[in-house]
Amino acid sequence: MNDLSRLSDQCDVLYLGSQSMSRRKLLDAAGIRYKILTHSSQECVAVPTVNFDDYVQSIACDKMQHLELPTIDSVNENHIFILTADTLVKAMQSNQIIGKPDDLEHARSIVRLISTQPLQILTGCCLKKFEKENGAWIEKNSHNWVTGAFVEFVVPEEDINLYFEKLPGVVYASGASIIDDFGQCFLKSINGSHSAVIGLPLFELRQNLRSMGFLF
């Protein structure tokens, strides 16, 4: 085994409670090892406030609550790091909070809407560290945060068919918008965290993981 292999074996693994391919691509680009967990959250919760930040954060935390932790015996380490996240779009003029489309036609109507006005796109994150104690996982540390950006994303009517042809995954994306890959053609401006808009704020994630003792 070479030195690079030994270094990789010493790195911690992040358990990601998300099926998002965009988040996987971001973690791959950041060189963070991860494994995928599933959750049973309905991704729609009631909160006692209309604050957009609070709403996005509450969904990320709800995903954590509906996550099944890996079994004690399946993990060699004495600790695990688990992350859940949620990304939502808010149309600033109409004040609409937009999640994932219901179907292709809904996605098309969303794209037409968001192309007419500035957007606020937020990703809420819930990060927890658990340790083994007496044959069970015990929560030891946690960080919750919201990061995002103000965005202008404009898909002209004559490009809508091409947009969906090149990016079929938009029917599963929050706000029917993908700003990386071919979607970069329609990103007019962005003021804030680029990676948070894609689905995972990498700068804050690395900072919070490091503060918890995560080994990169």
Foldseek 3Di string as FASTA:
>chain_A
DDPVVVLVVPFAEEEEADPDPLVVVVCVVVVHHYDYWYFDDPLADDDPDPDPFVSQQVSQVSRVVRTDDDFPVVDPDQKYKYKGKAKWKAFVPVRDIWFAAPDDVSLLVLLVVLQVGKMKMKMKMKMWMWGDDPRDTDTDDIDIDMFTKIWRFHDDPVCSVVVCVVCVVLNGGHSSAACPDVSVVRTPDIGTAPSRNSPDRVVVVVVVCVVVPGGD
